[in-house]
Amino acid sequence: MTDVLQMVGRAGRPQFDKSAKAVIYTTTEKESFIKRFLYERFPVESSLLKQLSIHVNAEVQAGSLTHFNHCYEYLTWT
């Protein structure tokens, strides 16, 4: 579905087109899934918590975070 959204997003770019239309051809069996995917919001699934220590350690190593307060600010801002 991300590929479909990418292709649909290419239709009607304001700097190139005055109008656009995207047509999706699919089977009857997949029609309800595609409509649901395009018109309903899906929950965002984040893996940040699993990777958070890697990101913080990378910032410490890079010298961006040098004190506990910097880490705290980084995490609350992020």
Foldseek 3Di string as FASTA:
>chain_A
DVVLVVVVVVFPDPVPDPHGDDDDDDDPVCVVVVVCVVPPDDDDDDPCVVCVVVVLVVCVVVVVDPDPVSVVVVVVVD
